[in-house]
Structures are given as structure tokens and as C-alpha cells.
Amino acid sequence: MVSLHESAENGNVEISTSISKRLSRVPYDFHFPDIESPSIAQDAEVVDVTFPADAEGTSRTKRIRFHDYQVIYSHQGLYESLFHRRLECQSPQKLVSLLGQCIHPSTKAPLSVLEVGAGNGIVAEELRTQLGSVIGRLVGTDIFPESRDAVVRDRPQVYDDYLVGDLLQPDTELSNLGPASFDALIVCAALGPGWGDLPIQAMLRATEYLVDDGLVAITLNVKWLSDEPTDSSTWNDLIGQLKGGEIKSWNGLTEMRRQKYHHRRDMRGNWISYYAIVLRKNKVT
């Protein structure tokens, strides 16, 4: 088993300054149970969390699935402490950096950005920190009301608006979004083919809110390139083009840049490799 404190193969792990400040006051302890299976899917990972003692000095321990975001977000600092300090998640920094590299110097700033699967606002905070005045209007969306509650509690300043709803359901807060409203779309560590992942059709629906030549920044698990085909031909086509070397034309999107990196460690301490990918929305002719 790899140590959870070992440095990444591609350089020392860095935690953004804003997250580090929050971690300095986080009182959670973690234990990762032994599981017999030789491999563990990300949506099956669990952790035993020991919470701080109450007024009577009694602490409690609870087993939580990594994808139980509604539970995790309800405890201040738990997400940051688990995923960013203990499991050394790098996706927000890596994806935002790659997006920044794809913004042409002649691009008229500030850019309006839509974040899908926004969670508790860590990616938005990274956008504001790394790209500064390049980022203008920033709107977050998520399917869970608990995500917005966590943003209001922990990062009320990062979004101009935060909408709760399902992109594939018309009668939600998201119906107020208009076409060609945003210059960029970012989906960080949310998109996938499995239970608890953002469906590929939801991401494509979000591209309808982009202007022509708008940027789309996403992350994908490298492992998915070797998985068996799914029931979704749209997903299979995306993975097929990735395996072929480059996304040349996929649902009106063309690849600009790709970077392989360490997303985070799994519950056994092994690195999970991801791709950060930036695509451009093709002009409709």
C-alpha cells in the first residue's frame, strides 16, 4: 500500500492557500477500513470519520461513502479535510490552470463562467484565485440543495448566483439560464458513466448555454479508457476519440489541450490518474 503522505510522481502535492487556511481548524480523524476486493470503484469507497467531541467530551464515529456529498457537505470542513488534506486532491488546481492556458491573451475579459456539479465552491474559489480579473460572472449549479447551503456557509463570495436543479429536467431553477449566456463551462471531477456521476447528456445540455468558440473544461478518469463500453453511445464515442489520440469532433466540441495528472489517492493510498481536458465549442455554420 502506498503511504497517504507520499509525494506525487509528477511533483510535490500542493494544497491551495485558501484550502490550507480552512484545514488548520478542522478537527476530523479518518480511518479507511480494509476491504477484501482487489479493486474498489470510486463510488464504493468509504471512510470512518471520527467527529469532534461534544460538550460532554463524547465523540462519535460514522462510516460515510465518498459519494455521500449531502452528508459530507453538512459538516463544515469535512470535504476539504478528507479529499484535499488526507487524499491530496489536485483536480481544482490542475483543471483551472489548464483552462487558464487556453484563454487567448486577446480574449476580451472578464469571462462569464458556468460551473456544473459545483459542490461546495472549491473550484470557483480556485478560479477566482488563479485567474483573478479574467473571471467575471460566475454561476454554479448542482443537483443537491446541501451544496448551495455549504457555499452560503463557507464561500458566499465566490459565485454571483448558485442554482439547484437537474439539467435534464426543464422545471428547475436552471430553466432561467439563457442560450449563449457564458464564455466558459467547467465540470471538475463530476462527469462520469457511473452511479453518482454527472451524466454525459447533462454536460452536453450545459454547452447549449455557451457562446460559439466558448471553452469547456472537464476531467475524466484515465481508467475509463480501458473499461468495457457502456449503454451510452455518446459516452462511448467520447472515450473512443480519447483513445484515438484527440477529440477532433464530438457533439460540436473540439479538443484544445489535455494533461494527465494525479486526481487524488484512493482509500488504499494509491494514486488515481485523470485527464484534464479543455475543448472549444465549434461555431454553428
C-alpha atoms as a PDB file:
ATOM      1  CA  MET A   1       0.000   0.000   0.000  1.00  0.00           C
ATOM      2  CA  VAL A   2       1.215   3.491  -0.844  1.00  0.00           C
ATOM      3  CA  SER A   3       1.562   5.956   2.029  1.00  0.00           C
ATOM      4  CA  LEU A   4      -1.109   8.632   2.091  1.00  0.00           C
ATOM      5  CA  HIS A   5       1.634  11.154   2.781  1.00  0.00           C
ATOM      6  CA  GLU A   6       3.928  10.222  -0.144  1.00  0.00           C
ATOM      7  CA  SER A   7       4.625  12.876  -2.784  1.00  0.00           C
ATOM      8  CA  ALA A   8       3.068  12.593  -6.235  1.00  0.00           C
ATOM      9  CA  GLU A   9       5.118  11.148  -9.078  1.00  0.00           C
ATOM     10  CA  ASN A  10       4.791  14.386 -11.046  1.00  0.00           C
ATOM     11  CA  GLY A  11       5.926  16.691  -8.249  1.00  0.00           C
ATOM     12  CA  ASN A  12       5.082  17.611  -4.710  1.00  0.00           C
ATOM     13  CA  VAL A  13       1.408  17.805  -3.872  1.00  0.00           C
ATOM     14  CA  GLU A  14       0.225  21.337  -3.292  1.00  0.00           C
ATOM     15  CA  ILE A  15      -2.894  22.456  -1.472  1.00  0.00           C
ATOM     16  CA  SER A  16      -4.190  25.876  -2.434  1.00  0.00           C
ATOM     17  CA  THR A  17      -3.728  28.611   0.168  1.00  0.00           C
ATOM     18  CA  SER A  18      -7.457  29.123   0.681  1.00  0.00           C
ATOM     19  CA  ILE A  19      -7.993  25.429   1.451  1.00  0.00           C
ATOM     20  CA  SER A  20      -4.949  25.297   3.741  1.00  0.00           C
ATOM     21  CA  LYS A  21      -6.399  28.070   5.879  1.00  0.00           C
ATOM     22  CA  ARG A  22      -9.614  26.112   6.337  1.00  0.00           C
ATOM     23  CA  LEU A  23      -7.776  22.880   7.158  1.00  0.00           C
ATOM     24  CA  SER A  24      -5.881  24.472  10.018  1.00  0.00           C
ATOM     25  CA  ARG A  25      -9.031  24.423  12.096  1.00  0.00           C
ATOM     26  CA  VAL A  26     -10.553  21.090  11.013  1.00  0.00           C
ATOM     27  CA  PRO A  27     -10.934  18.536  13.857  1.00  0.00           C
ATOM     28  CA  TYR A  28     -11.834  15.330  11.966  1.00  0.00           C
ATOM     29  CA  ASP A  29      -9.988  11.985  12.161  1.00  0.00           C
ATOM     30  CA  PHE A  30     -10.176   9.326   9.458  1.00  0.00           C
ATOM     31  CA  HIS A  31      -9.802   5.562   9.277  1.00  0.00           C
ATOM     32  CA  PHE A  32     -10.013   3.654   5.999  1.00  0.00           C
ATOM     33  CA  PRO A  33     -11.392   0.131   6.579  1.00  0.00           C
ATOM     34  CA  ASP A  34      -9.831  -2.934   4.976  1.00  0.00           C
ATOM     35  CA  ILE A  35     -11.867  -4.210   2.032  1.00  0.00           C
ATOM     36  CA  GLU A  36     -11.274  -7.654   0.544  1.00  0.00           C
ATOM     37  CA  SER A  37     -11.924  -6.702  -3.089  1.00  0.00           C
ATOM     38  CA  PRO A  38      -8.742  -6.331  -5.189  1.00  0.00           C
ATOM     39  CA  SER A  39     -10.163  -3.166  -6.753  1.00  0.00           C
ATOM     40  CA  ILE A  40     -12.620  -0.607  -5.408  1.00  0.00           C
ATOM     41  CA  ALA A  41     -14.790   1.586  -7.590  1.00  0.00           C
ATOM     42  CA  GLN A  42     -14.778   5.261  -6.669  1.00  0.00           C
ATOM     43  CA  ASP A  43     -18.498   5.172  -5.901  1.00  0.00           C
ATOM     44  CA  ALA A  44     -17.887   2.304  -3.436  1.00  0.00           C
ATOM     45  CA  GLU A  45     -15.144   3.951  -1.363  1.00  0.00           C
ATOM     46  CA  VAL A  46     -15.896   4.560   2.315  1.00  0.00           C
ATOM     47  CA  VAL A  47     -14.225   6.167   5.316  1.00  0.00           C
ATOM     48  CA  ASP A  48     -14.829   6.027   9.069  1.00  0.00           C
ATOM     49  CA  VAL A  49     -14.992   9.611  10.307  1.00  0.00           C
ATOM     50  CA  THR A  50     -14.477  10.461  13.971  1.00  0.00           C
ATOM     51  CA  PHE A  51     -16.153  13.759  14.744  1.00  0.00           C
ATOM     52  CA  PRO A  52     -15.010  16.235  17.408  1.00  0.00           C
ATOM     53  CA  ALA A  53     -16.166  15.665  20.965  1.00  0.00           C
ATOM     54  CA  ASP A  54     -19.388  17.286  22.097  1.00  0.00           C
ATOM     55  CA  ALA A  55     -19.841  19.451  25.208  1.00  0.00           C
ATOM     56  CA  GLU A  56     -19.751  16.323  27.407  1.00  0.00           C
ATOM     57  CA  GLY A  57     -16.490  15.117  25.882  1.00  0.00           C
ATOM     58  CA  THR A  58     -18.096  12.323  23.826  1.00  0.00           C
ATOM     59  CA  SER A  59     -17.003  11.790  20.239  1.00  0.00           C
ATOM     60  CA  ARG A  60     -18.683   9.600  17.645  1.00  0.00           C
ATOM     61  CA  THR A  61     -17.538   7.711  14.565  1.00  0.00           C
ATOM     62  CA  LYS A  62     -19.616   7.256  11.417  1.00  0.00           C
ATOM     63  CA  ARG A  63     -18.934   5.358   8.191  1.00  0.00           C
ATOM     64  CA  ILE A  64     -19.516   7.576   5.147  1.00  0.00           C
ATOM     65  CA  ARG A  65     -19.358   6.819   1.426  1.00  0.00           C
ATOM     66  CA  PHE A  66     -17.105   9.145  -0.527  1.00  0.00           C
ATOM     67  CA  HIS A  67     -20.038   9.989  -2.820  1.00  0.00           C
ATOM     68  CA  ASP A  68     -22.434  10.838   0.031  1.00  0.00           C
ATOM     69  CA  TYR A  69     -21.936  14.524  -0.670  1.00  0.00           C
ATOM     70  CA  GLN A  70     -25.159  15.546   1.044  1.00  0.00           C
ATOM     71  CA  VAL A  71     -23.790  14.161   4.313  1.00  0.00           C
ATOM     72  CA  ILE A  72     -20.237  15.424   3.804  1.00  0.00           C
ATOM     73  CA  TYR A  73     -21.274  18.975   2.922  1.00  0.00           C
ATOM     74  CA  SER A  74     -23.394  19.234   6.047  1.00  0.00           C
ATOM     75  CA  HIS A  75     -20.230  19.188   8.200  1.00  0.00           C
ATOM     76  CA  GLN A  76     -18.055  22.268   7.807  1.00  0.00           C
ATOM     77  CA  GLY A  77     -14.550  21.490   6.564  1.00  0.00           C
ATOM     78  CA  LEU A  78     -15.136  17.742   6.226  1.00  0.00           C
ATOM     79  CA  TYR A  79     -14.847  17.740   2.427  1.00  0.00           C
ATOM     80  CA  GLU A  80     -11.618  19.745   2.467  1.00  0.00           C
ATOM     81  CA  SER A  81     -10.114  17.673   5.280  1.00  0.00           C
ATOM     82  CA  LEU A  82     -10.889  14.320   3.654  1.00  0.00           C
ATOM     83  CA  PHE A  83     -10.327  14.944  -0.046  1.00  0.00           C
ATOM     84  CA  HIS A  84      -7.746  17.718  -0.051  1.00  0.00           C
ATOM     85  CA  ARG A  85      -5.632  17.142   3.046  1.00  0.00           C
ATOM     86  CA  ARG A  86      -5.832  13.374   3.524  1.00  0.00           C
ATOM     87  CA  LEU A  87      -6.349  12.206  -0.065  1.00  0.00           C
ATOM     88  CA  GLU A  88      -4.426  15.099  -1.657  1.00  0.00           C
ATOM     89  CA  CYS A  89      -6.940  16.015  -4.366  1.00  0.00           C
ATOM     90  CA  GLN A  90      -5.375  18.093  -7.149  1.00  0.00           C
ATOM     91  CA  SER A  91      -8.205  18.433  -9.664  1.00  0.00           C
ATOM     92  CA  PRO A  92      -9.345  22.034  -8.995  1.00  0.00           C
ATOM     93  CA  GLN A  93      -5.823  23.432  -9.318  1.00  0.00           C
ATOM     94  CA  LYS A  94      -4.928  21.335 -12.380  1.00  0.00           C
ATOM     95  CA  LEU A  95      -8.130  21.954 -14.340  1.00  0.00           C
ATOM     96  CA  VAL A  96      -8.258  25.684 -13.644  1.00  0.00           C
ATOM     97  CA  SER A  97      -4.596  26.010 -14.625  1.00  0.00           C
ATOM     98  CA  LEU A  98      -5.210  24.218 -17.934  1.00  0.00           C
ATOM     99  CA  LEU A  99      -8.263  26.373 -18.623  1.00  0.00           C
ATOM    100  CA  GLY A 100      -6.163  29.474 -17.998  1.00  0.00           C
ATOM    101  CA  GLN A 101      -3.570  28.269 -20.510  1.00  0.00           C
ATOM    102  CA  CYS A 102      -6.294  28.024 -23.169  1.00  0.00           C
ATOM    103  CA  ILE A 103      -7.602  31.565 -22.731  1.00  0.00           C
ATOM    104  CA  HIS A 104      -6.016  33.561 -25.525  1.00  0.00           C
ATOM    105  CA  PRO A 105      -4.376  36.853 -24.495  1.00  0.00           C
ATOM    106  CA  SER A 106      -6.637  38.685 -26.941  1.00  0.00           C
ATOM    107  CA  THR A 107      -9.789  37.302 -25.323  1.00  0.00           C
ATOM    108  CA  LYS A 108     -11.985  40.070 -24.017  1.00  0.00           C
ATOM    109  CA  ALA A 109     -12.194  39.792 -20.232  1.00  0.00           C
ATOM    110  CA  PRO A 110     -13.869  39.330 -17.896  1.00  0.00           C
ATOM    111  CA  LEU A 111     -15.309  35.955 -18.900  1.00  0.00           C
ATOM    112  CA  SER A 112     -18.655  34.648 -17.719  1.00  0.00           C
ATOM    113  CA  VAL A 113     -18.342  31.055 -16.431  1.00  0.00           C
ATOM    114  CA  LEU A 114     -20.871  28.320 -15.691  1.00  0.00           C
ATOM    115  CA  GLU A 115     -19.800  25.560 -13.304  1.00  0.00           C
ATOM    116  CA  VAL A 116     -21.816  22.327 -13.336  1.00  0.00           C
ATOM    117  CA  GLY A 117     -21.575  19.913 -10.415  1.00  0.00           C
ATOM    118  CA  ALA A 118     -20.261  22.842  -8.421  1.00  0.00           C
ATOM    119  CA  GLY A 119     -20.436  21.252  -4.976  1.00  0.00           C
ATOM    120  CA  ASN A 120     -19.227  23.464  -2.149  1.00  0.00           C
ATOM    121  CA  GLY A 121     -17.420  26.033  -4.278  1.00  0.00           C
ATOM    122  CA  ILE A 122     -13.790  24.889  -4.142  1.00  0.00           C
ATOM    123  CA  VAL A 123     -13.380  25.100  -7.926  1.00  0.00           C
ATOM    124  CA  ALA A 124     -14.980  28.547  -8.033  1.00  0.00           C
ATOM    125  CA  GLU A 125     -12.591  29.706  -5.332  1.00  0.00           C
ATOM    126  CA  GLU A 126      -9.702  28.351  -7.410  1.00  0.00           C
ATOM    127  CA  LEU A 127     -10.986  30.181 -10.484  1.00  0.00           C
ATOM    128  CA  ARG A 128     -11.097  33.464  -8.563  1.00  0.00           C
ATOM    129  CA  THR A 129      -7.671  32.849  -7.009  1.00  0.00           C
ATOM    130  CA  GLN A 130      -5.752  31.642 -10.075  1.00  0.00           C
ATOM    131  CA  LEU A 131      -7.367  33.665 -12.840  1.00  0.00           C
ATOM    132  CA  GLY A 132      -8.388  36.769 -10.914  1.00  0.00           C
ATOM    133  CA  SER A 133      -9.883  39.551 -13.009  1.00  0.00           C
ATOM    134  CA  VAL A 134     -10.158  37.241 -16.036  1.00  0.00           C
ATOM    135  CA  ILE A 135     -13.217  35.722 -14.342  1.00  0.00           C
ATOM    136  CA  GLY A 136     -16.310  37.886 -14.243  1.00  0.00           C
ATOM    137  CA  ARG A 137     -19.807  36.497 -13.708  1.00  0.00           C
ATOM    138  CA  LEU A 138     -19.613  33.032 -12.177  1.00  0.00           C
ATOM    139  CA  VAL A 139     -22.690  30.841 -11.777  1.00  0.00           C
ATOM    140  CA  GLY A 140     -22.665  27.481 -10.001  1.00  0.00           C
ATOM    141  CA  THR A 141     -25.166  24.650 -10.401  1.00  0.00           C
ATOM    142  CA  ASP A 142     -25.665  21.415  -8.525  1.00  0.00           C
ATOM    143  CA  ILE A 143     -28.410  18.863  -8.042  1.00  0.00           C
ATOM    144  CA  PHE A 144     -28.115  18.902  -4.228  1.00  0.00           C
ATOM    145  CA  PRO A 145     -29.522  21.772  -2.098  1.00  0.00           C
ATOM    146  CA  GLU A 146     -26.891  20.849   0.516  1.00  0.00           C
ATOM    147  CA  SER A 147     -24.213  22.007  -1.928  1.00  0.00           C
ATOM    148  CA  ARG A 148     -25.643  25.503  -2.065  1.00  0.00           C
ATOM    149  CA  ASP A 149     -26.063  25.515   1.716  1.00  0.00           C
ATOM    150  CA  ALA A 150     -22.339  24.727   2.059  1.00  0.00           C
ATOM    151  CA  VAL A 151     -21.418  27.529  -0.347  1.00  0.00           C
ATOM    152  CA  VAL A 152     -23.538  30.046   1.553  1.00  0.00           C
ATOM    153  CA  ARG A 153     -21.874  28.910   4.787  1.00  0.00           C
ATOM    154  CA  ASP A 154     -18.249  28.638   3.615  1.00  0.00           C
ATOM    155  CA  ARG A 155     -17.740  30.620   0.380  1.00  0.00           C
ATOM    156  CA  PRO A 156     -20.548  33.156  -0.020  1.00  0.00           C
ATOM    157  CA  GLN A 157     -18.348  35.500  -2.070  1.00  0.00           C
ATOM    158  CA  VAL A 158     -17.259  33.230  -4.947  1.00  0.00           C
ATOM    159  CA  TYR A 159     -20.456  32.921  -7.011  1.00  0.00           C
ATOM    160  CA  ASP A 160     -22.717  35.581  -8.470  1.00  0.00           C
ATOM    161  CA  ASP A 161     -25.522  33.021  -8.413  1.00  0.00           C
ATOM    162  CA  TYR A 162     -25.949  29.361  -7.450  1.00  0.00           C
ATOM    163  CA  LEU A 163     -28.804  27.339  -8.915  1.00  0.00           C
ATOM    164  CA  VAL A 164     -30.093  23.977  -7.715  1.00  0.00           C
ATOM    165  CA  GLY A 165     -31.609  21.587 -10.212  1.00  0.00           C
ATOM    166  CA  ASP A 166     -31.195  18.844 -12.781  1.00  0.00           C
ATOM    167  CA  LEU A 167     -30.040  19.996 -16.200  1.00  0.00           C
ATOM    168  CA  LEU A 168     -32.096  17.212 -17.780  1.00  0.00           C
ATOM    169  CA  GLN A 169     -35.320  18.347 -16.076  1.00  0.00           C
ATOM    170  CA  PRO A 170     -36.926  21.506 -17.537  1.00  0.00           C
ATOM    171  CA  ASP A 171     -38.865  22.707 -14.487  1.00  0.00           C
ATOM    172  CA  THR A 172     -35.992  23.724 -12.219  1.00  0.00           C
ATOM    173  CA  GLU A 173     -34.099  26.897 -11.349  1.00  0.00           C
ATOM    174  CA  LEU A 174     -31.826  26.155 -14.296  1.00  0.00           C
ATOM    175  CA  SER A 175     -34.619  26.952 -16.750  1.00  0.00           C
ATOM    176  CA  ASN A 176     -33.784  30.626 -16.154  1.00  0.00           C
ATOM    177  CA  LEU A 177     -30.431  30.218 -17.913  1.00  0.00           C
ATOM    178  CA  GLY A 178     -30.483  31.513 -21.457  1.00  0.00           C
ATOM    179  CA  PRO A 179     -28.645  30.256 -24.560  1.00  0.00           C
ATOM    180  CA  ALA A 180     -25.215  31.736 -25.305  1.00  0.00           C
ATOM    181  CA  SER A 181     -25.017  33.182 -21.774  1.00  0.00           C
ATOM    182  CA  PHE A 182     -21.479  32.046 -20.883  1.00  0.00           C
ATOM    183  CA  ASP A 183     -17.968  32.136 -22.291  1.00  0.00           C
ATOM    184  CA  ALA A 184     -16.779  29.003 -20.477  1.00  0.00           C
ATOM    185  CA  LEU A 185     -18.116  25.862 -18.838  1.00  0.00           C
ATOM    186  CA  ILE A 186     -16.218  23.921 -16.179  1.00  0.00           C
ATOM    187  CA  VAL A 187     -17.053  20.455 -14.830  1.00  0.00           C
ATOM    188  CA  CYS A 188     -14.434  19.264 -12.339  1.00  0.00           C
ATOM    189  CA  ALA A 189     -14.355  15.667 -11.044  1.00  0.00           C
ATOM    190  CA  ALA A 190     -18.093  15.263 -11.576  1.00  0.00           C
ATOM    191  CA  LEU A 191     -18.569  13.806 -15.057  1.00  0.00           C
ATOM    192  CA  GLY A 192     -18.691  10.029 -15.450  1.00  0.00           C
ATOM    193  CA  PRO A 193     -20.585   6.914 -16.546  1.00  0.00           C
ATOM    194  CA  GLY A 194     -21.459   5.526 -13.116  1.00  0.00           C
ATOM    195  CA  TRP A 195     -23.855   5.938 -10.224  1.00  0.00           C
ATOM    196  CA  GLY A 196     -23.451   9.342  -8.594  1.00  0.00           C
ATOM    197  CA  ASP A 197     -21.658  10.812 -11.628  1.00  0.00           C
ATOM    198  CA  LEU A 198     -22.912  13.715 -13.718  1.00  0.00           C
ATOM    199  CA  PRO A 199     -24.429  12.146 -16.867  1.00  0.00           C
ATOM    200  CA  ILE A 200     -22.777  12.987 -20.152  1.00  0.00           C
ATOM    201  CA  GLN A 201     -26.106  14.267 -21.532  1.00  0.00           C
ATOM    202  CA  ALA A 202     -26.322  16.797 -18.699  1.00  0.00           C
ATOM    203  CA  MET A 203     -22.885  18.157 -19.575  1.00  0.00           C
ATOM    204  CA  LEU A 204     -23.857  18.439 -23.236  1.00  0.00           C
ATOM    205  CA  ARG A 205     -27.052  20.243 -22.272  1.00  0.00           C
ATOM    206  CA  ALA A 206     -24.918  22.758 -20.396  1.00  0.00           C
ATOM    207  CA  THR A 207     -22.912  23.500 -23.571  1.00  0.00           C
ATOM    208  CA  GLU A 208     -26.107  24.980 -25.024  1.00  0.00           C
ATOM    209  CA  TYR A 209     -25.570  27.926 -22.667  1.00  0.00           C
ATOM    210  CA  LEU A 210     -22.142  28.644 -24.195  1.00  0.00           C
ATOM    211  CA  VAL A 211     -21.310  31.144 -26.899  1.00  0.00           C
ATOM    212  CA  ASP A 212     -19.676  29.887 -30.101  1.00  0.00           C
ATOM    213  CA  ASP A 213     -15.947  29.348 -29.501  1.00  0.00           C
ATOM    214  CA  GLY A 214     -16.694  29.022 -25.781  1.00  0.00           C
ATOM    215  CA  LEU A 215     -14.388  26.829 -23.690  1.00  0.00           C
ATOM    216  CA  VAL A 216     -15.341  23.580 -21.947  1.00  0.00           C
ATOM    217  CA  ALA A 217     -13.044  22.298 -19.168  1.00  0.00           C
ATOM    218  CA  ILE A 218     -13.640  18.764 -17.889  1.00  0.00           C
ATOM    219  CA  THR A 219     -11.851  15.937 -16.081  1.00  0.00           C
ATOM    220  CA  LEU A 220     -12.020  12.227 -16.887  1.00  0.00           C
ATOM    221  CA  ASN A 221     -10.645   9.154 -15.135  1.00  0.00           C
ATOM    222  CA  VAL A 222      -7.861   7.560 -17.206  1.00  0.00           C
ATOM    223  CA  LYS A 223      -9.199   4.127 -16.193  1.00  0.00           C
ATOM    224  CA  TRP A 224     -12.364   4.704 -18.202  1.00  0.00           C
ATOM    225  CA  LEU A 225     -10.378   4.379 -21.423  1.00  0.00           C
ATOM    226  CA  SER A 226      -9.853   0.672 -20.684  1.00  0.00           C
ATOM    227  CA  ASP A 227     -13.357  -0.073 -19.344  1.00  0.00           C
ATOM    228  CA  GLU A 228     -15.972  -2.013 -21.268  1.00  0.00           C
ATOM    229  CA  PRO A 229     -18.383   0.087 -23.385  1.00  0.00           C
ATOM    230  CA  THR A 230     -21.415   1.482 -21.569  1.00  0.00           C
ATOM    231  CA  ASP A 231     -25.052   1.692 -22.675  1.00  0.00           C
ATOM    232  CA  SER A 232     -24.461   5.284 -23.795  1.00  0.00           C
ATOM    233  CA  SER A 233     -23.261   5.644 -27.382  1.00  0.00           C
ATOM    234  CA  THR A 234     -22.460   9.298 -26.653  1.00  0.00           C
ATOM    235  CA  TRP A 235     -20.125   8.325 -23.820  1.00  0.00           C
ATOM    236  CA  ASN A 236     -18.572   5.516 -25.849  1.00  0.00           C
ATOM    237  CA  ASP A 237     -17.877   7.916 -28.726  1.00  0.00           C
ATOM    238  CA  LEU A 238     -16.095  10.344 -26.367  1.00  0.00           C
ATOM    239  CA  ILE A 239     -13.926   7.575 -24.897  1.00  0.00           C
ATOM    240  CA  GLY A 240     -13.219   6.198 -28.378  1.00  0.00           C
ATOM    241  CA  GLN A 241     -11.912   9.550 -29.579  1.00  0.00           C
ATOM    242  CA  LEU A 242      -9.781   9.932 -26.458  1.00  0.00           C
ATOM    243  CA  LYS A 243      -8.269   6.513 -27.098  1.00  0.00           C
ATOM    244  CA  GLY A 244      -7.651   7.515 -30.689  1.00  0.00           C
ATOM    245  CA  GLY A 245      -5.430  10.365 -29.550  1.00  0.00           C
ATOM    246  CA  GLU A 246      -7.537  13.512 -29.899  1.00  0.00           C
ATOM    247  CA  ILE A 247     -11.160  14.675 -29.730  1.00  0.00           C
ATOM    248  CA  LYS A 248     -11.476  16.078 -33.251  1.00  0.00           C
ATOM    249  CA  SER A 249     -15.222  16.484 -33.450  1.00  0.00           C
ATOM    250  CA  TRP A 250     -17.571  15.301 -30.727  1.00  0.00           C
ATOM    251  CA  ASN A 251     -21.048  16.814 -30.323  1.00  0.00           C
ATOM    252  CA  GLY A 252     -19.826  20.160 -31.609  1.00  0.00           C
ATOM    253  CA  LEU A 253     -16.681  20.193 -29.439  1.00  0.00           C
ATOM    254  CA  THR A 254     -13.004  20.031 -30.441  1.00  0.00           C
ATOM    255  CA  GLU A 255     -10.089  19.324 -28.115  1.00  0.00           C
ATOM    256  CA  MET A 256      -7.632  22.146 -27.454  1.00  0.00           C
ATOM    257  CA  ARG A 257      -5.382  20.748 -24.760  1.00  0.00           C
ATOM    258  CA  ARG A 258      -5.080  17.716 -22.467  1.00  0.00           C
ATOM    259  CA  GLN A 259      -2.966  16.953 -19.407  1.00  0.00           C
ATOM    260  CA  LYS A 260      -2.629  13.747 -17.402  1.00  0.00           C
ATOM    261  CA  TYR A 261      -2.280  14.227 -13.655  1.00  0.00           C
ATOM    262  CA  HIS A 262      -2.949  12.707 -10.222  1.00  0.00           C
ATOM    263  CA  HIS A 263      -6.564  13.418  -9.256  1.00  0.00           C
ATOM    264  CA  ARG A 264      -6.307  12.110  -5.676  1.00  0.00           C
ATOM    265  CA  ARG A 265      -5.433   8.982  -3.744  1.00  0.00           C
ATOM    266  CA  ASP A 266      -7.944   6.182  -3.281  1.00  0.00           C
ATOM    267  CA  MET A 267      -8.822   4.782   0.136  1.00  0.00           C
ATOM    268  CA  ARG A 268      -5.794   2.446  -0.044  1.00  0.00           C
ATOM    269  CA  GLY A 269      -3.401   5.272  -0.759  1.00  0.00           C
ATOM    270  CA  ASN A 270      -2.877   4.629  -4.479  1.00  0.00           C
ATOM    271  CA  TRP A 271      -2.986   7.474  -6.962  1.00  0.00           C
ATOM    272  CA  ILE A 272      -5.992   7.820  -9.276  1.00  0.00           C
ATOM    273  CA  SER A 273      -4.938   9.251 -12.634  1.00  0.00           C
ATOM    274  CA  TYR A 274      -7.172  11.686 -14.525  1.00  0.00           C
ATOM    275  CA  TYR A 275      -7.085  13.763 -17.665  1.00  0.00           C
ATOM    276  CA  ALA A 276      -7.781  17.479 -17.529  1.00  0.00           C
ATOM    277  CA  ILE A 277      -9.201  18.418 -20.921  1.00  0.00           C
ATOM    278  CA  VAL A 278     -10.177  21.741 -22.459  1.00  0.00           C
ATOM    279  CA  LEU A 279     -12.423  21.747 -25.548  1.00  0.00           C
ATOM    280  CA  ARG A 280     -13.755  24.516 -27.741  1.00  0.00           C
ATOM    281  CA  LYS A 281     -17.362  24.796 -28.844  1.00  0.00           C
ATOM    282  CA  ASN A 282     -17.424  24.904 -32.635  1.00  0.00           C
ATOM    283  CA  LYS A 283     -19.169  27.733 -34.422  1.00  0.00           C
ATOM    284  CA  VAL A 284     -22.507  26.814 -35.902  1.00  0.00           C
ATOM    285  CA  THR A 285     -22.403  27.408 -39.638  1.00  0.00           C
END
